[in-house]
C-alpha atoms as a PDB file:
ATOM      1  CA  UNK A   1       7.910-122.541 162.925  1.00  0.00           C
ATOM      2  CA  UNK A   2      11.410-123.409 161.746  1.00  0.00           C
ATOM      3  CA  UNK A   3      12.855-123.523 165.279  1.00  0.00           C
ATOM      4  CA  UNK A   4       9.975-124.481 167.611  1.00  0.00           C
ATOM      5  CA  UNK A   5      12.235-125.219 170.590  1.00  0.00           C
ATOM      6  CA  UNK A   6      13.929-121.825 170.536  1.00  0.00           C
ATOM      7  CA  UNK A   7      12.586-120.317 173.812  1.00  0.00           C
ATOM      8  CA  UNK A   8      14.059-116.885 173.134  1.00  0.00           C
ATOM      9  CA  UNK A   9      11.911-116.635 170.012  1.00  0.00           C
ATOM     10  CA  UNK A  10       8.839-117.891 171.844  1.00  0.00           C
ATOM     11  CA  UNK A  11       9.359-115.380 174.673  1.00  0.00           C
ATOM     12  CA  UNK A  12       9.805-112.611 172.089  1.00  0.00           C
ATOM     13  CA  UNK A  13       6.469-113.561 170.485  1.00  0.00           C
ATOM     14  CA  UNK A  14       4.756-113.410 173.900  1.00  0.00           C
ATOM     15  CA  UNK A  15       6.280-109.994 174.556  1.00  0.00           C
ATOM     16  CA  UNK A  16       5.254-108.695 171.123  1.00  0.00           C
ATOM     17  CA  UNK A  17       1.681-109.879 171.644  1.00  0.00           C
ATOM     18  CA  UNK A  18       1.544-108.108 175.012  1.00  0.00           C
ATOM     19  CA  UNK A  19       2.879-104.864 173.554  1.00  0.00           C
ATOM     20  CA  UNK A  20       0.298-105.130 170.780  1.00  0.00           C
ATOM     21  CA  UNK A  21      -2.500-105.191 173.349  1.00  0.00           C
ATOM     22  CA  UNK A  22      -3.286-108.888 172.823  1.00  0.00           C
ATOM     23  CA  UNK A  23      -2.734-110.374 176.312  1.00  0.00           C
ATOM     24  CA  UNK A  24      -5.116-113.317 175.750  1.00  0.00           C
ATOM     25  CA  UNK A  25      -3.035-114.490 172.777  1.00  0.00           C
ATOM     26  CA  UNK A  26       0.130-113.901 174.804  1.00  0.00           C
ATOM     27  CA  UNK A  27      -1.152-116.274 177.527  1.00  0.00           C
ATOM     28  CA  UNK A  28      -2.087-118.886 174.931  1.00  0.00           C
ATOM     29  CA  UNK A  29       1.355-118.637 173.352  1.00  0.00           C
ATOM     30  CA  UNK A  30       2.959-119.016 176.788  1.00  0.00           C
ATOM     31  CA  UNK A  31       0.950-122.145 177.563  1.00  0.00           C
ATOM     32  CA  UNK A  32       2.030-123.648 174.239  1.00  0.00           C
ATOM     33  CA  UNK A  33       5.647-122.809 174.983  1.00  0.00           C
ATOM     34  CA  UNK A  34       5.427-124.480 178.416  1.00  0.00           C
ATOM     35  CA  UNK A  35       4.732-127.787 176.656  1.00  0.00           C
ATOM     36  CA  UNK A  36       8.061-127.416 174.868  1.00  0.00           C
ATOM     37  CA  UNK A  37      10.133-126.233 177.858  1.00  0.00           C
ATOM     38  CA  UNK A  38       8.748-125.822 181.361  1.00  0.00           C
ATOM     39  CA  UNK A  39      12.064-124.630 182.800  1.00  0.00           C
ATOM     40  CA  UNK A  40      12.459-121.263 181.075  1.00  0.00           C
ATOM     41  CA  UNK A  41      12.504-118.468 183.644  1.00  0.00           C
ATOM     42  CA  UNK A  42      11.912-115.817 180.969  1.00  0.00           C
ATOM     43  CA  UNK A  43       8.864-117.728 179.774  1.00  0.00           C
ATOM     44  CA  UNK A  44       7.369-117.588 183.277  1.00  0.00           C
ATOM     45  CA  UNK A  45       8.273-113.929 183.573  1.00  0.00           C
ATOM     46  CA  UNK A  46       6.399-112.973 180.399  1.00  0.00           C
ATOM     47  CA  UNK A  47       3.474-115.277 181.076  1.00  0.00           C
ATOM     48  CA  UNK A  48       2.984-113.607 184.462  1.00  0.00           C
ATOM     49  CA  UNK A  49       3.107-110.179 182.823  1.00  0.00           C
ATOM     50  CA  UNK A  50       0.385-111.240 180.396  1.00  0.00           C
ATOM     51  CA  UNK A  51      -1.818-112.243 183.326  1.00  0.00           C
ATOM     52  CA  UNK A  52      -1.059-108.854 184.921  1.00  0.00           C
ATOM     53  CA  UNK A  53      -2.225-107.172 181.712  1.00  0.00           C
ATOM     54  CA  UNK A  54      -5.484-109.120 181.992  1.00  0.00           C
ATOM     55  CA  UNK A  55      -5.872-108.067 185.627  1.00  0.00           C
ATOM     56  CA  UNK A  56      -5.627-111.694 186.759  1.00  0.00           C
ATOM     57  CA  UNK A  57      -3.200-111.016 189.574  1.00  0.00           C
ATOM     58  CA  UNK A  58      -3.760-114.279 191.421  1.00  0.00           C
ATOM     59  CA  UNK A  59      -2.718-116.247 188.327  1.00  0.00           C
ATOM     60  CA  UNK A  60       0.245-113.953 187.768  1.00  0.00           C
ATOM     61  CA  UNK A  61       1.429-114.502 191.329  1.00  0.00           C
ATOM     62  CA  UNK A  62       0.923-118.272 190.970  1.00  0.00           C
ATOM     63  CA  UNK A  63       3.117-118.344 187.835  1.00  0.00           C
ATOM     64  CA  UNK A  64       5.971-116.502 189.566  1.00  0.00           C
ATOM     65  CA  UNK A  65       5.763-118.568 192.748  1.00  0.00           C
ATOM     66  CA  UNK A  66       5.762-121.785 190.717  1.00  0.00           C
ATOM     67  CA  UNK A  67       8.877-120.675 188.877  1.00  0.00           C
ATOM     68  CA  UNK A  68      10.628-119.888 192.181  1.00  0.00           C
ATOM     69  CA  UNK A  69       9.639-123.291 193.567  1.00  0.00           C
ATOM     70  CA  UNK A  70      10.367-125.480 190.523  1.00  0.00           C
ATOM     71  CA  UNK A  71      13.196-123.947 188.514  1.00  0.00           C
ATOM     72  CA  UNK A  72      16.800-124.083 189.631  1.00  0.00           C
ATOM     73  CA  UNK A  73      18.360-120.625 189.772  1.00  0.00           C
ATOM     74  CA  UNK A  74      15.037-118.799 189.822  1.00  0.00           C
ATOM     75  CA  UNK A  75      15.792-117.368 193.280  1.00  0.00           C
ATOM     76  CA  UNK A  76      18.674-115.365 191.824  1.00  0.00           C
ATOM     77  CA  UNK A  77      16.705-113.987 188.891  1.00  0.00           C
ATOM     78  CA  UNK A  78      16.175-110.271 189.574  1.00  0.00           C
ATOM     79  CA  UNK A  79      13.376-109.920 187.012  1.00  0.00           C
ATOM     80  CA  UNK A  80      11.388-112.745 188.586  1.00  0.00           C
ATOM     81  CA  UNK A  81      11.700-111.114 192.021  1.00  0.00           C
ATOM     82  CA  UNK A  82      10.761-107.767 190.470  1.00  0.00           C
ATOM     83  CA  UNK A  83       7.641-109.096 188.760  1.00  0.00           C
ATOM     84  CA  UNK A  84       6.460-110.991 191.819  1.00  0.00           C
ATOM     85  CA  UNK A  85       7.013-107.905 193.965  1.00  0.00           C
ATOM     86  CA  UNK A  86       5.051-105.752 191.533  1.00  0.00           C
ATOM     87  CA  UNK A  87       2.193-108.249 191.518  1.00  0.00           C
ATOM     88  CA  UNK A  88       2.011-108.009 195.300  1.00  0.00           C
ATOM     89  CA  UNK A  89       2.044-104.210 194.968  1.00  0.00           C
ATOM     90  CA  UNK A  90      -0.924-104.333 192.587  1.00  0.00           C
ATOM     91  CA  UNK A  91      -2.709-106.549 195.123  1.00  0.00           C
ATOM     92  CA  UNK A  92      -1.956-103.910 197.789  1.00  0.00           C
ATOM     93  CA  UNK A  93       0.124-106.423 199.738  1.00  0.00           C
ATOM     94  CA  UNK A  94       2.791-103.833 200.491  1.00  0.00           C
ATOM     95  CA  UNK A  95       5.008-105.777 202.957  1.00  0.00           C
ATOM     96  CA  UNK A  96       5.360-108.676 200.479  1.00  0.00           C
ATOM     97  CA  UNK A  97       5.882-106.250 197.613  1.00  0.00           C
ATOM     98  CA  UNK A  98       8.631-104.462 199.556  1.00  0.00           C
ATOM     99  CA  UNK A  99      10.363-107.756 200.358  1.00  0.00           C
ATOM    100  CA  UNK A 100      10.583-108.961 196.747  1.00  0.00           C
ATOM    101  CA  UNK A 101      11.406-105.571 195.253  1.00  0.00           C
ATOM    102  CA  UNK A 102      14.245-105.079 197.724  1.00  0.00           C
ATOM    103  CA  UNK A 103      15.499-108.534 196.815  1.00  0.00           C
ATOM    104  CA  UNK A 104      15.421-107.600 193.114  1.00  0.00           C
ATOM    105  CA  UNK A 105      17.514-104.472 193.835  1.00  0.00           C
ATOM    106  CA  UNK A 106      19.965-106.511 195.875  1.00  0.00           C
ATOM    107  CA  UNK A 107      20.352-109.004 193.011  1.00  0.00           C
ATOM    108  CA  UNK A 108      20.732-106.268 190.390  1.00  0.00           C
ATOM    109  CA  UNK A 109      21.366-102.742 191.738  1.00  0.00           C
ATOM    110  CA  UNK A 110      21.121-101.391 188.182  1.00  0.00           C
ATOM    111  CA  UNK A 111      17.696-102.825 187.392  1.00  0.00           C
ATOM    112  CA  UNK A 112      15.808 -99.576 186.740  1.00  0.00           C
ATOM    113  CA  UNK A 113      12.219-100.984 186.985  1.00  0.00           C
ATOM    114  CA  UNK A 114      13.065-102.440 190.399  1.00  0.00           C
ATOM    115  CA  UNK A 115      14.524 -99.112 191.551  1.00  0.00           C
ATOM    116  CA  UNK A 116      11.470 -97.212 190.322  1.00  0.00           C
ATOM    117  CA  UNK A 117       8.867 -99.619 191.722  1.00  0.00           C
ATOM    118  CA  UNK A 118      10.559 -99.814 195.124  1.00  0.00           C
ATOM    119  CA  UNK A 119      10.733 -96.017 195.183  1.00  0.00           C
ATOM    120  CA  UNK A 120       6.962 -95.884 194.712  1.00  0.00           C
ATOM    121  CA  UNK A 121       6.482 -97.846 197.924  1.00  0.00           C
ATOM    122  CA  UNK A 122       8.877 -95.550 199.765  1.00  0.00           C
ATOM    123  CA  UNK A 123       7.052 -92.507 198.419  1.00  0.00           C
ATOM    124  CA  UNK A 124       3.729 -93.856 199.642  1.00  0.00           C
ATOM    125  CA  UNK A 125       5.285 -94.101 203.110  1.00  0.00           C
ATOM    126  CA  UNK A 126       6.729 -90.580 202.682  1.00  0.00           C
ATOM    127  CA  UNK A 127      10.187 -92.101 203.004  1.00  0.00           C
ATOM    128  CA  UNK A 128      11.608 -89.524 200.629  1.00  0.00           C
ATOM    129  CA  UNK A 129      15.171 -89.915 201.848  1.00  0.00           C
ATOM    130  CA  UNK A 130      15.469 -93.489 200.559  1.00  0.00           C
ATOM    131  CA  UNK A 131      13.419 -92.591 197.482  1.00  0.00           C
ATOM    132  CA  UNK A 132      15.956 -89.966 196.454  1.00  0.00           C
ATOM    133  CA  UNK A 133      18.813 -92.466 196.466  1.00  0.00           C
ATOM    134  CA  UNK A 134      16.922 -94.992 194.336  1.00  0.00           C
ATOM    135  CA  UNK A 135      15.752 -92.463 191.755  1.00  0.00           C
ATOM    136  CA  UNK A 136      19.087 -90.666 191.492  1.00  0.00           C
ATOM    137  CA  UNK A 137      20.598 -94.021 190.560  1.00  0.00           C
ATOM    138  CA  UNK A 138      17.762 -94.639 188.108  1.00  0.00           C
ATOM    139  CA  UNK A 139      18.317 -91.288 186.346  1.00  0.00           C
ATOM    140  CA  UNK A 140      22.011 -92.091 185.934  1.00  0.00           C
ATOM    141  CA  UNK A 141      21.124 -95.437 184.364  1.00  0.00           C
ATOM    142  CA  UNK A 142      18.220 -94.139 182.264  1.00  0.00           C
ATOM    143  CA  UNK A 143      18.577 -90.345 181.913  1.00  0.00           C
ATOM    144  CA  UNK A 144      15.816 -90.074 179.304  1.00  0.00           C
ATOM    145  CA  UNK A 145      12.944 -91.430 181.394  1.00  0.00           C
ATOM    146  CA  UNK A 146      10.493 -88.580 181.987  1.00  0.00           C
ATOM    147  CA  UNK A 147       8.589 -90.374 184.740  1.00  0.00           C
ATOM    148  CA  UNK A 148      11.730 -91.053 186.746  1.00  0.00           C
ATOM    149  CA  UNK A 149      12.732 -87.384 186.638  1.00  0.00           C
ATOM    150  CA  UNK A 150       9.262 -86.273 187.700  1.00  0.00           C
ATOM    151  CA  UNK A 151       9.204 -88.688 190.647  1.00  0.00           C
ATOM    152  CA  UNK A 152      12.686 -87.557 191.599  1.00  0.00           C
ATOM    153  CA  UNK A 153      11.351 -83.992 191.658  1.00  0.00           C
ATOM    154  CA  UNK A 154       8.657 -85.090 194.112  1.00  0.00           C
ATOM    155  CA  UNK A 155      11.242 -86.872 196.265  1.00  0.00           C
ATOM    156  CA  UNK A 156      13.537 -83.830 196.297  1.00  0.00           C
ATOM    157  CA  UNK A 157      10.569 -81.709 197.337  1.00  0.00           C
ATOM    158  CA  UNK A 158       9.867 -84.143 200.168  1.00  0.00           C
ATOM    159  CA  UNK A 159      13.360 -83.728 201.647  1.00  0.00           C
ATOM    160  CA  UNK A 160      13.356 -79.941 201.219  1.00  0.00           C
ATOM    161  CA  UNK A 161      15.770 -79.794 198.265  1.00  0.00           C
ATOM    162  CA  UNK A 162      13.521 -77.372 196.438  1.00  0.00           C
ATOM    163  CA  UNK A 163      15.939 -76.039 193.838  1.00  0.00           C
ATOM    164  CA  UNK A 164      16.837 -79.575 192.776  1.00  0.00           C
ATOM    165  CA  UNK A 165      13.140 -80.411 192.701  1.00  0.00           C
ATOM    166  CA  UNK A 166      12.498 -77.583 190.229  1.00  0.00           C
ATOM    167  CA  UNK A 167      15.420 -78.704 188.062  1.00  0.00           C
ATOM    168  CA  UNK A 168      14.099 -82.284 187.999  1.00  0.00           C
ATOM    169  CA  UNK A 169      10.624 -81.134 186.921  1.00  0.00           C
ATOM    170  CA  UNK A 170      12.085 -78.950 184.188  1.00  0.00           C
ATOM    171  CA  UNK A 171      14.268 -81.837 182.998  1.00  0.00           C
ATOM    172  CA  UNK A 172      11.151 -83.992 182.687  1.00  0.00           C
ATOM    173  CA  UNK A 173       9.400 -81.205 180.759  1.00  0.00           C
ATOM    174  CA  UNK A 174      12.359 -80.880 178.384  1.00  0.00           C
ATOM    175  CA  UNK A 175      12.364 -84.613 177.713  1.00  0.00           C
ATOM    176  CA  UNK A 176       8.648 -84.763 176.908  1.00  0.00           C
ATOM    177  CA  UNK A 177       6.791 -81.499 176.457  1.00  0.00           C
ATOM    178  CA  UNK A 178       3.544 -83.386 175.840  1.00  0.00           C
ATOM    179  CA  UNK A 179       3.608 -84.750 179.390  1.00  0.00           C
ATOM    180  CA  UNK A 180       2.013 -81.971 181.440  1.00  0.00           C
ATOM    181  CA  UNK A 181       2.240 -83.671 184.828  1.00  0.00           C
ATOM    182  CA  UNK A 182       5.694 -82.182 185.603  1.00  0.00           C
ATOM    183  CA  UNK A 183       4.290 -78.714 184.855  1.00  0.00           C
ATOM    184  CA  UNK A 184       1.410 -79.311 187.271  1.00  0.00           C
ATOM    185  CA  UNK A 185       3.853 -80.473 189.943  1.00  0.00           C
ATOM    186  CA  UNK A 186       5.985 -77.404 189.310  1.00  0.00           C
ATOM    187  CA  UNK A 187       2.933 -75.272 190.109  1.00  0.00           C
ATOM    188  CA  UNK A 188       2.467 -77.161 193.373  1.00  0.00           C
ATOM    189  CA  UNK A 189       6.131 -76.643 194.239  1.00  0.00           C
ATOM    190  CA  UNK A 190       5.863 -72.896 193.682  1.00  0.00           C
ATOM    191  CA  UNK A 191       2.502 -72.541 195.441  1.00  0.00           C
ATOM    192  CA  UNK A 192       2.949 -74.701 198.528  1.00  0.00           C
ATOM    193  CA  UNK A 193       6.687 -74.673 199.130  1.00  0.00           C
ATOM    194  CA  UNK A 194       8.528 -71.779 197.469  1.00  0.00           C
ATOM    195  CA  UNK A 195       5.654 -69.317 197.974  1.00  0.00           C
ATOM    196  CA  UNK A 196       6.417 -68.074 194.465  1.00  0.00           C
ATOM    197  CA  UNK A 197       2.856 -67.010 193.739  1.00  0.00           C
ATOM    198  CA  UNK A 198       3.511 -65.496 190.312  1.00  0.00           C
ATOM    199  CA  UNK A 199       5.400 -68.613 189.227  1.00  0.00           C
ATOM    200  CA  UNK A 200       2.643 -70.877 190.526  1.00  0.00           C
ATOM    201  CA  UNK A 201      -0.107 -69.031 188.655  1.00  0.00           C
ATOM    202  CA  UNK A 202       1.986 -69.050 185.478  1.00  0.00           C
ATOM    203  CA  UNK A 203       2.579 -72.824 185.772  1.00  0.00           C
ATOM    204  CA  UNK A 204      -1.088 -73.664 186.363  1.00  0.00           C
ATOM    205  CA  UNK A 205      -2.298 -71.345 183.604  1.00  0.00           C
ATOM    206  CA  UNK A 206       0.238 -72.929 181.262  1.00  0.00           C
ATOM    207  CA  UNK A 207      -1.002 -76.363 182.268  1.00  0.00           C
ATOM    208  CA  UNK A 208      -4.599 -75.356 181.456  1.00  0.00           C
ATOM    209  CA  UNK A 209      -3.740 -73.657 178.157  1.00  0.00           C
ATOM    210  CA  UNK A 210      -1.813 -76.725 176.958  1.00  0.00           C
ATOM    211  CA  UNK A 211      -4.769 -79.016 177.554  1.00  0.00           C
ATOM    212  CA  UNK A 212      -4.049 -80.506 180.967  1.00  0.00           C
ATOM    213  CA  UNK A 213      -6.644 -83.007 182.157  1.00  0.00           C
ATOM    214  CA  UNK A 214      -6.941 -81.697 185.735  1.00  0.00           C
ATOM    215  CA  UNK A 215      -8.296 -78.285 184.804  1.00  0.00           C
ATOM    216  CA  UNK A 216     -10.690 -77.993 187.761  1.00  0.00           C
ATOM    217  CA  UNK A 217      -7.926 -78.673 190.261  1.00  0.00           C
ATOM    218  CA  UNK A 218      -5.564 -76.264 188.509  1.00  0.00           C
ATOM    219  CA  UNK A 219      -8.212 -73.517 188.614  1.00  0.00           C
ATOM    220  CA  UNK A 220      -8.788 -74.161 192.318  1.00  0.00           C
ATOM    221  CA  UNK A 221      -5.054 -73.814 192.889  1.00  0.00           C
ATOM    222  CA  UNK A 222      -4.999 -70.525 190.995  1.00  0.00           C
ATOM    223  CA  UNK A 223      -7.817 -69.095 193.140  1.00  0.00           C
ATOM    224  CA  UNK A 224      -6.190 -70.312 196.340  1.00  0.00           C
ATOM    225  CA  UNK A 225      -2.794 -68.917 195.347  1.00  0.00           C
ATOM    226  CA  UNK A 226      -4.199 -65.470 194.497  1.00  0.00           C
ATOM    227  CA  UNK A 227      -6.125 -65.391 197.778  1.00  0.00           C
ATOM    228  CA  UNK A 228      -3.084 -66.404 199.789  1.00  0.00           C
ATOM    229  CA  UNK A 229      -0.990 -63.794 197.995  1.00  0.00           C
ATOM    230  CA  UNK A 230      -3.411 -61.028 199.058  1.00  0.00           C
ATOM    231  CA  UNK A 231      -3.411 -62.276 202.648  1.00  0.00           C
ATOM    232  CA  UNK A 232       0.388 -62.408 202.729  1.00  0.00           C
ATOM    233  CA  UNK A 233       0.715 -58.926 201.236  1.00  0.00           C
ATOM    234  CA  UNK A 234      -1.791 -57.526 203.750  1.00  0.00           C
ATOM    235  CA  UNK A 235       0.012 -59.214 206.621  1.00  0.00           C
ATOM    236  CA  UNK A 236       3.353 -57.946 205.345  1.00  0.00           C
ATOM    237  CA  UNK A 237       2.042 -54.388 205.169  1.00  0.00           C
ATOM    238  CA  UNK A 238       0.627 -54.643 208.696  1.00  0.00           C
ATOM    239  CA  UNK A 239       3.946 -55.990 209.966  1.00  0.00           C
ATOM    240  CA  UNK A 240       5.826 -53.155 208.292  1.00  0.00           C
ATOM    241  CA  UNK A 241       3.523 -50.568 209.882  1.00  0.00           C
ATOM    242  CA  UNK A 242       3.874 -52.245 213.267  1.00  0.00           C
ATOM    243  CA  UNK A 243       7.654 -52.316 212.990  1.00  0.00           C
ATOM    244  CA  UNK A 244       7.684 -48.658 211.955  1.00  0.00           C
ATOM    245  CA  UNK A 245       5.609 -47.717 215.018  1.00  0.00           C
ATOM    246  CA  UNK A 246       7.812 -49.785 217.267  1.00  0.00           C
ATOM    247  CA  UNK A 247      10.875 -48.093 215.791  1.00  0.00           C
ATOM    248  CA  UNK A 248       9.321 -44.662 216.409  1.00  0.00           C
ATOM    249  CA  UNK A 249       8.433 -45.590 219.968  1.00  0.00           C
ATOM    250  CA  UNK A 250      11.929 -46.917 220.486  1.00  0.00           C
ATOM    251  CA  UNK A 251      13.336 -43.662 219.113  1.00  0.00           C
ATOM    252  CA  UNK A 252      11.149 -41.577 221.451  1.00  0.00           C
ATOM    253  CA  UNK A 253      12.072 -43.787 224.368  1.00  0.00           C
ATOM    254  CA  UNK A 254      15.731 -43.349 223.569  1.00  0.00           C
ATOM    255  CA  UNK A 255      15.354 -39.567 223.450  1.00  0.00           C
ATOM    256  CA  UNK A 256      13.567 -39.592 226.807  1.00  0.00           C
ATOM    257  CA  UNK A 257      16.261 -41.776 228.293  1.00  0.00           C
ATOM    258  CA  UNK A 258      18.966 -39.470 226.955  1.00  0.00           C
ATOM    259  CA  UNK A 259      17.148 -36.419 228.395  1.00  0.00           C
ATOM    260  CA  UNK A 260      16.747 -38.166 231.739  1.00  0.00           C
ATOM    261  CA  UNK A 261      20.437 -39.047 231.779  1.00  0.00           C
ATOM    262  CA  UNK A 262      21.346 -35.417 230.962  1.00  0.00           C
ATOM    263  CA  UNK A 263      19.225 -34.111 233.827  1.00  0.00           C
ATOM    264  CA  UNK A 264      20.599 -36.666 236.219  1.00  0.00           C
ATOM    265  CA  UNK A 265      24.107 -35.720 235.145  1.00  0.00           C
ATOM    266  CA  UNK A 266      23.396 -32.002 235.720  1.00  0.00           C
ATOM    267  CA  UNK A 267      21.803 -32.698 239.112  1.00  0.00           C
ATOM    268  CA  UNK A 268      24.737 -34.858 240.101  1.00  0.00           C
ATOM    269  CA  UNK A 269      27.173 -32.119 239.063  1.00  0.00           C
ATOM    270  CA  UNK A 270      25.194 -29.500 241.035  1.00  0.00           C
ATOM    271  CA  UNK A 271      25.063 -31.730 244.102  1.00  0.00           C
ATOM    272  CA  UNK A 272      28.793 -32.342 243.846  1.00  0.00           C
ATOM    273  CA  UNK A 273      29.487 -28.596 243.604  1.00  0.00           C
ATOM    274  CA  UNK A 274      27.230 -27.911 246.595  1.00  0.00           C
ATOM    275  CA  UNK A 275      28.943 -30.562 248.652  1.00  0.00           C
ATOM    276  CA  UNK A 276      32.353 -29.138 247.753  1.00  0.00           C
ATOM    277  CA  UNK A 277      31.261 -25.610 248.710  1.00  0.00           C
ATOM    278  CA  UNK A 278      29.866 -26.813 252.028  1.00  0.00           C
ATOM    279  CA  UNK A 279      33.161 -28.442 252.861  1.00  0.00           C
ATOM    280  CA  UNK A 280      35.082 -25.074 252.595  1.00  0.00           C
ATOM    281  CA  UNK A 281      35.557 -22.860 255.872  1.00  0.00           C
ATOM    282  CA  UNK A 282      33.320 -19.790 256.139  1.00  0.00           C
ATOM    283  CA  UNK A 283      35.123 -16.477 255.273  1.00  0.00           C
ATOM    284  CA  UNK A 284      35.535 -13.694 257.918  1.00  0.00           C
ATOM    285  CA  UNK A 285      33.070 -10.777 257.587  1.00  0.00           C
ATOM    286  CA  UNK A 286      34.443  -7.679 255.887  1.00  0.00           C
ATOM    287  CA  UNK A 287      34.828  -4.307 257.859  1.00  0.00           C
ATOM    288  CA  UNK A 288      35.386  -0.723 256.704  1.00  0.00           C
ATOM    289  CA  UNK A 289      38.077   0.028 259.306  1.00  0.00           C
ATOM    290  CA  UNK A 290      37.748   1.548 262.815  1.00  0.00           C
ATOM    291  CA  UNK A 291      37.048  -0.515 265.879  1.00  0.00           C
ATOM    292  CA  UNK A 292      37.680  -4.178 265.959  1.00  0.00           C
ATOM    293  CA  UNK A 293      34.843  -6.675 265.274  1.00  0.00           C
ATOM    294  CA  UNK A 294      32.443  -6.642 268.187  1.00  0.00           C
ATOM    295  CA  UNK A 295      33.228  -3.136 269.441  1.00  0.00           C
ATOM    296  CA  UNK A 296      31.097  -0.098 268.582  1.00  0.00           C
ATOM    297  CA  UNK A 297      32.627   2.195 265.996  1.00  0.00           C
ATOM    298  CA  UNK A 298      33.548   5.733 267.009  1.00  0.00           C
ATOM    299  CA  UNK A 299      31.137   8.398 265.960  1.00  0.00           C
ATOM    300  CA  UNK A 300      28.611   8.727 268.689  1.00  0.00           C
ATOM    301  CA  UNK A 301      27.687   7.853 272.178  1.00  0.00           C
ATOM    302  CA  UNK A 302      25.375   4.954 272.168  1.00  0.00           C
ATOM    303  CA  UNK A 303      23.986   5.994 275.506  1.00  0.00           C
ATOM    304  CA  UNK A 304      22.968   9.496 274.479  1.00  0.00           C
ATOM    305  CA  UNK A 305      22.748   8.990 270.754  1.00  0.00           C
ATOM    306  CA  UNK A 306      24.454  12.386 270.307  1.00  0.00           C
ATOM    307  CA  UNK A 307      26.212  13.139 267.040  1.00  0.00           C
ATOM    308  CA  UNK A 308      29.946  13.560 267.138  1.00  0.00           C
ATOM    309  CA  UNK A 309      31.266  17.076 267.889  1.00  0.00           C
ATOM    310  CA  UNK A 310      32.350  17.770 264.352  1.00  0.00           C
ATOM    311  CA  UNK A 311      28.838  17.339 262.942  1.00  0.00           C
ATOM    312  CA  UNK A 312      25.969  19.848 263.361  1.00  0.00           C
ATOM    313  CA  UNK A 313      22.869  18.794 265.168  1.00  0.00           C
ATOM    314  CA  UNK A 314      20.251  17.321 262.889  1.00  0.00           C
ATOM    315  CA  UNK A 315      17.792  20.180 263.492  1.00  0.00           C
ATOM    316  CA  UNK A 316      20.125  22.860 262.137  1.00  0.00           C
ATOM    317  CA  UNK A 317      21.324  23.374 258.626  1.00  0.00           C
ATOM    318  CA  UNK A 318      25.002  23.128 257.911  1.00  0.00           C
ATOM    319  CA  UNK A 319      27.019  26.367 258.469  1.00  0.00           C
ATOM    320  CA  UNK A 320      27.537  26.956 254.751  1.00  0.00           C
ATOM    321  CA  UNK A 321      23.808  27.022 253.975  1.00  0.00           C
ATOM    322  CA  UNK A 322      21.327  29.860 254.758  1.00  0.00           C
ATOM    323  CA  UNK A 323      18.883  29.233 257.564  1.00  0.00           C
END
């Protein structure tokens, strides 16, 4: 009342009305302020936000586009680009939303709402790689924002950086223990990615016991995790038994191969010895003396078959024995 042309004060009133849940009064205050100064970029920014609060997105977009068209320097205002981009996002006009949000980041790389809102578009497209970069920057600029840490955990999970994902979720839980969404996401991380079944069940049961709103879904996860755990344990046991049998068969096969090699070695040695023996000259036959080989030995006449003179005939006993 004392300084009616002070646009900073008027914009602050509009913002306070919005935060008090009085968007209709915020719009009325903005219209009154426009009659005083129609060239305040911040006035247009807050007026558009009031229309967003009312769900009147077409009017919000009109306010931002009018500011860009009529006010000098509006093109370089990162907040104006941010708010227009977010309006397009709420209208599900994603290409336009991406264009203006990227422009906001280019104008002010440290504008956390622009980083966060652009990351949401990337996450919808499963472009987790670019999401990680945006949200890592956002956490450095605003390290106490629970939602940013939780979304960063999702992005880390999307690029396979699972340990960092868990740390991000736990950071969000430390910042605001009343926000149970990070705990729910931690359960998903353990169940679907780490295969830490005990950790997953503990996370979901903790979520339920602390009053989480998605109890039915958490209970379904618990059932699914326990079922999968049994299947995995059964499969693991079957694999262990199969590997043990294969190891036994391999052992038996090795023993058979070793026995076969031993026999082959013995047969080869025997064949070698036989071949060596066959290569040696045959020895001369042994004689007991007397006539040379091939001649009859003395001791009888082959023609008459008579015993030698010194021996008695076979039908008489020797001289020294009685008849």
